[in-house]
Amino acid sequence: MYRLLVAQVLLGCWIGAQPFCPSQCTCVYHGHSDGTGSRSVLCNDPDMSDIPVNVPVDTVKLRVEKTAVRRVPTEAFYYLSELRYLWITYNSVTSVDPGSFYNLKVLHELRMDGNMIATFPWESLKEMPSLRTLDLHNNRLTSVPLEAAPYLVNITYLDISSNKLTTLPSDLVDIWPPFSGILPSANASQKIVLGLQDNPWYCDCRISKFIDLSKMASIPVVLMDQVLTCSGPENLAGVLFQWAELDQCSKPSVITSATKITSPLGSNVLLRCDATGFPTPTLLWTRADGTTVNVTVVQESPGEGVRWSILSLHSIGFKDAGDYRCKAKNFAGNSEAYITLSVDGVQSLTPSPLINITKRPDDQPVTSFAGTKMPLYTTLSPALTTRAAMTTVPPLTIRKSPGPGGGIQRSPPAGDKPAKIQQSKDGKGSLTSEKSKKKADLKDIEVVEETSDTAVLLWRAEGLPSDSPVTVFYFPYDAKDDKETVDTEVGQGKLLLEYLMPNQVYTVCLVTKGSVAGKEQCVDFTTLDNGGEDGQNKILMIASGIACAVAVPLIVVLLYKIVCLCCKGNSSRNNGPDDDLSKETYVKFETLAMKQRTLNGQANDLWARRQTQESERMLLCSRSSIDSQMTFKSDSSRAEYLC
């Protein structure tokens, strides 16, 4: 009895130690001969609408198939740290959260085919660094963004067939050989499998690399189905990728102005490269190690399919030497060229001059600048010590005079006024300078009669001959570089400054040949503003315009009247008295022929009208008092006159 009780307790403990399996799933433990094993879970209940959350933590393979699951939530599998295979196939999934695959560090295979996914969170692939197989076929994907390329580098099996893809980013294929530029090793057996079939591909320059990929042989990339066809454009509909020829699509070609350039240290260098291709390529300058060049770059496309770029390097140093890469890129591919820059010269620092003190054969100390042959002979006396100063003028020489008293004489540079240094009888030296009795200079410099564009400069010479040359230069107060120079003689005493700008402050300086070098006598003056003159001119122009506007119409009217009168007078002279007579009234009469009145006749039959001959016609003036008298008169009628 005791043994039976112990057995029941042990059985209960063993059952309690077994992992819990979801009610809608089947959990299977696969043991191996070496004592190890793995657990797989299959959930295929058609009534399941959510991803199970109580899956055993030691699950290695999870399959959720043919369920009513429509969404994969955030961190749905975070506790399955040992999960290596995840199949969510032939469900009704339409949405996948970007954080759905959090903590799946060892996941090797992800299959989500047979769903209704229109947008896949490609950035979620960074949570699965060990992923090698990604199956998304038979979904509703319409695009694969370029941002997905970094996450697909380690994928060796990618199936995006049977979707609604029409194009792919041109740079996406650059992650695989041979477009990646990485040559596979000779013994590399790993192939990259791509599934691209059963998509409505639009064959243009954007997928030209994939078309080229389908035509290549003996490459590490293998297509699941070689029968890839174009759905557009119309001239390529139904054409296989292997036979498709794309118009207006060519890989870039790059040429450089030079392959090697040697330039002196500190100079400016221009590097240029030109590229051709269609579509028009873009150009990018980098160093040989791929770092971007942070200098001035100018690019221009003078026409379709052509682009040039210039890299400008200013004051180059040794750090600028090296290889520069110009890379051209378009949808059809990329190309690059290199320019090697060498810097010629020696870069050294110039330290401040050092002073060396040596001794002459006569035991006199000699001071000179290090690295130069310019000595400073310094002689010391018991009463006076002279210190050499470093200036830009030639060095001064101090020599000791022989004889008693120890007098010291200093030889100045050429052009300086002589000076004497004498020592008194008590041994103390005193410095006296010999001044000229009368100082030669220009005085009373002034500017008079300023206008808007001219001014008169006056000066007075003192101690200078009248034919001594003098240089006058003037410039705007804030622009010393715009200096104008005029040479004249001191005796003139007057100079007209022309072509000045109105309302501008000027500085004018005079330099004579006898003056101390670098000493200039300058005065400032201001030209007048021509705003008043401009205003008067504007008023005159306005008044003239108004006068013209009034006078011109009056002149036109007067001319018209004069022309009319002249035409009328000419017409009267040409026509003469006949015209006056034509203005009178003329009446044409016809002679009346008398007809014998019958006894039985009517009153209206008294007269008969007949046509007159041309010779019988006559014209009578209406002003005449002559009347045509009736030639027949009856007894019963009264006398009548017909006109």
Foldseek 3Di string as FASTA:
>chain_A
DVVVVVVVVVVVVVVVPDADADPQKDKDWAADPVGDIAIEIEHADQADAAQDQRHDLRHAEYAYENYAHAEQDACSPQSNLNHAYYHDEQYAHAYYDLRSLANNARHAEYAYENYAYADDNLNSLVNHPNYAYYHHDHYAHAADDPVNQVSCLRHQHYAHANYAYAAYALCSCCSFPPNVVDDDDPPDPRAREYEHAHYQYADALLCLVVLVVLQDPDGRYDYPDSAHAHCDDPVRHGPGSNPDDYPQFFEKDKDWPDAEEEDEAQAKDKTKMKMFTPQAWDKAKDFPVRHHDPADKDKDAPDGRIIMMMGIDGRDDQVPFHKMKIKIDDSNGIDIGIHGYHYDDDDDDDDDWDWDWDADPVRFIWIDTPPDPQIEGFGDDPADGDDWDDDPDRGKHKDFDDDPLGAIAIDDDPPDAGWGWGADPVNHIDTGGDDDPWDWDKDDWDWDDFAQFKIKIFIATDPDDQAFKKKKWKDFPVCPVPIDIDIDTRNVRMDMGGGHHGQTKMKMWMDTPPDRPPDIDIDIDHHHHCPVVVVVVVVVVVVVVVVCVVVVVVVVVVVVVVVVVVVVVVVDVVCDCVVVVVVFDKDWDADWDADDDDPPDDPVVGTDGDGDDPVPTDIDGPVDPDFDWDPDDDPPDDTDTDD
